[in-house]
Amino acid sequence: MTVTGEHLPIGGRFDGFEHRFAVRVYFEDTDLSGVVYHANYLRYMERARSDMLRVAGIDQRAAHEAGQGAYAVTDIGIRYAASARLDDDLVVTSRLIEVSAVRVVIHQTVRCGAVKLTDARVTVAWVGPNGRPRRQPADWIAIYQRLVWQGDTQHP
């Protein structure tokens, strides 16, 4: 289903090689202590990655429905530095740092203003309907190669 006009959801945008995605912290995101539950940062990052691909022109849903495959997270390393709280406005920044025939590596950071909350390196692999790795669509690789971060990949 495609929505248009006033019903179009607000998404992220690219600023050079960097995709930025806004998130607001809701009550459901917090734990008993009133801070964002640690696993919710992964959800924010997943939404940002999906939006980044959509904005770049990659239609994951169509590929999945056509039986071509889907992305699966194969590795994630995350560091927590500070906590977000109810009603905080967050920005998830995503940068493509490596692309191969089968996988994409993305560096993601969640910030509240100037404060870095989390920092992650996520590897996703393209897998066929049988769950086995396979080559990504060639046109997607071309899109990714144009978006690979040109800065410092050790400390983005």
Protein backbone atom coordinates (compact mmCIF):
# COMPACT_ATOMS: atom_id res chain seq x y z
CA MET A 1 0.00 0.00 0.00
CA THR A 2 1.32 3.43 -0.91
CA VAL A 3 0.23 6.54 0.95
CA THR A 4 0.53 10.07 -0.34
CA GLY A 5 -0.06 13.68 0.58
CA GLU A 6 -1.17 14.48 4.10
CA HIS A 7 -1.01 10.78 5.05
CA LEU A 8 2.66 10.40 4.14
CA PRO A 9 4.73 9.42 7.18
CA ILE A 10 7.64 11.63 8.11
CA GLY A 11 10.96 9.92 7.57
CA GLY A 12 14.63 10.62 7.73
CA ARG A 13 16.90 12.26 5.22
CA PHE A 14 20.42 12.12 3.91
CA ASP A 15 22.88 14.87 4.75
CA GLY A 16 25.78 14.00 2.47
CA PHE A 17 26.76 10.41 3.24
CA GLU A 18 24.92 10.41 6.55
CA HIS A 19 21.28 9.43 7.07
CA ARG A 20 19.49 11.12 9.98
CA PHE A 21 16.29 9.79 11.51
CA ALA A 22 14.32 11.49 14.30
CA VAL A 23 12.80 9.53 17.19
CA ARG A 24 10.79 10.72 20.18
CA VAL A 25 10.86 8.74 23.41
CA TYR A 26 7.40 7.61 24.51
CA PHE A 27 6.30 6.15 27.83
CA GLU A 28 6.22 2.65 26.32
CA ASP A 29 9.96 2.98 25.54
CA THR A 30 10.97 3.42 29.17
CA ASP A 31 11.58 0.93 31.95
CA LEU A 32 10.70 1.05 35.62
CA SER A 33 13.47 3.57 36.32
CA GLY A 34 12.10 6.02 33.74
CA VAL A 35 14.89 5.66 31.19
CA VAL A 36 14.78 4.07 27.75
CA TYR A 37 15.02 0.29 28.02
CA HIS A 38 18.31 -0.85 26.45
CA ALA A 39 16.73 -3.03 23.73
CA ASN A 40 14.69 -0.09 22.41
CA TYR A 41 17.85 1.55 21.06
CA LEU A 42 18.09 -1.46 18.72
CA ARG A 43 14.52 -0.79 17.59
CA TYR A 44 15.33 2.84 16.89
CA MET A 45 18.34 1.76 14.86
CA GLU A 46 16.30 -0.78 12.91
CA ARG A 47 13.74 1.88 11.99
CA ALA A 48 16.54 4.21 10.91
CA ARG A 49 18.18 1.52 8.74
CA SER A 50 14.87 0.67 7.08
CA ASP A 51 14.17 4.35 6.43
CA MET A 52 17.70 4.89 5.10
CA LEU A 53 17.18 2.14 2.51
CA ARG A 54 13.76 3.48 1.56
CA VAL A 55 15.11 7.02 1.11
CA ALA A 56 18.02 5.65 -0.96
CA GLY A 57 15.55 3.99 -3.35
CA ILE A 58 15.75 0.39 -2.15
CA ASP A 59 12.41 -1.41 -1.90
CA GLN A 60 12.93 -4.25 0.60
CA ARG A 61 9.25 -5.13 0.67
CA ALA A 62 9.00 -5.63 -3.10
CA ALA A 63 12.14 -7.80 -3.09
CA HIS A 64 10.76 -9.91 -0.25
CA GLU A 65 7.34 -10.28 -1.88
CA ALA A 66 9.02 -11.28 -5.16
CA GLY A 67 10.81 -14.09 -3.31
CA GLN A 68 14.28 -12.58 -3.75
CA GLY A 69 15.19 -12.52 -0.07
CA ALA A 70 15.59 -10.21 2.89
CA TYR A 71 18.26 -8.74 5.13
CA ALA A 72 19.25 -10.48 8.34
CA VAL A 73 21.42 -8.97 11.05
CA THR A 74 24.50 -11.20 11.34
CA ASP A 75 26.55 -9.16 13.80
CA ILE A 76 26.02 -6.20 16.06
CA GLY A 77 28.29 -4.50 18.53
CA ILE A 78 26.73 -1.78 20.65
CA ARG A 79 28.06 0.54 23.35
CA TYR A 80 25.82 2.43 25.74
CA ALA A 81 27.13 5.76 27.01
CA ALA A 82 24.13 7.64 28.43
CA SER A 83 20.38 7.23 28.88
CA ALA A 84 17.42 8.85 27.17
CA ARG A 85 14.25 9.68 29.08
CA LEU A 86 10.56 10.19 28.38
CA ASP A 87 9.86 12.90 25.78
CA ASP A 88 13.50 13.24 24.68
CA ASP A 89 14.01 14.01 21.01
CA LEU A 90 16.63 11.68 19.58
CA VAL A 91 18.45 11.47 16.26
CA VAL A 92 19.74 8.19 14.87
CA THR A 93 22.64 8.75 12.48
CA SER A 94 23.49 5.93 10.05
CA ARG A 95 26.55 5.64 7.83
CA LEU A 96 27.32 2.85 5.37
CA ILE A 97 30.93 1.90 5.97
CA GLU A 98 31.39 -1.35 4.00
CA VAL A 99 29.59 -3.02 1.10
CA SER A 100 30.20 -6.42 -0.48
CA ALA A 101 28.22 -8.73 -2.74
CA VAL A 102 26.39 -10.25 0.24
CA ARG A 103 26.64 -7.84 3.17
CA VAL A 104 26.48 -4.24 4.28
CA VAL A 105 28.12 -2.78 7.41
CA ILE A 106 26.47 0.26 8.95
CA HIS A 107 27.68 2.47 11.79
CA GLN A 108 24.83 3.95 13.83
CA THR A 109 24.76 6.49 16.64
CA VAL A 110 21.83 7.62 18.76
CA ARG A 111 22.13 11.14 20.18
CA CYS A 112 20.04 13.43 22.32
CA GLY A 113 21.22 16.87 21.29
CA ALA A 114 25.01 16.79 21.47
CA VAL A 115 25.07 13.81 23.87
CA LYS A 116 25.96 10.42 22.36
CA LEU A 117 23.72 7.77 23.93
CA THR A 118 24.63 4.66 21.95
CA ASP A 119 27.05 3.69 19.25
CA ALA A 120 26.74 0.50 17.16
CA ARG A 121 28.31 -1.32 14.24
CA VAL A 122 25.72 -3.48 12.48
CA THR A 123 26.36 -6.07 9.79
CA VAL A 124 23.45 -7.26 7.66
CA ALA A 125 23.57 -10.03 5.08
CA TRP A 126 21.22 -10.60 2.18
CA VAL A 127 19.66 -14.05 2.48
CA GLY A 128 17.40 -15.97 0.13
CA PRO A 129 14.04 -17.46 1.09
CA ASN A 130 15.92 -20.58 2.27
CA GLY A 131 17.87 -18.47 4.79
CA ARG A 132 21.20 -18.95 3.00
CA PRO A 133 23.39 -15.96 2.05
CA ARG A 134 23.14 -14.82 -1.56
CA ARG A 135 24.25 -11.87 -3.67
CA GLN A 136 22.35 -8.64 -3.17
CA PRO A 137 20.63 -7.12 -6.20
CA ALA A 138 23.35 -5.46 -8.33
CA ASP A 139 21.46 -2.16 -8.56
CA TRP A 140 21.33 -2.02 -4.74
CA ILE A 141 25.10 -2.53 -4.51
CA ALA A 142 25.55 0.39 -6.93
CA ILE A 143 23.36 2.59 -4.71
CA TYR A 144 25.31 1.55 -1.61
CA GLN A 145 28.67 2.22 -3.21
CA ARG A 146 27.64 5.82 -3.86
CA LEU A 147 26.65 6.20 -0.19
CA VAL A 148 29.68 4.65 1.54
CA TRP A 149 31.01 7.00 4.22
CA GLN A 150 34.14 8.77 3.02
CA GLY A 151 35.36 9.83 6.47
CA ASP A 152 37.08 8.01 9.32
CA THR A 153 35.58 4.51 9.59
CA GLN A 154 37.30 3.77 12.90
CA HIS A 155 35.65 6.60 14.83
CA PRO A 156 32.73 7.92 12.76
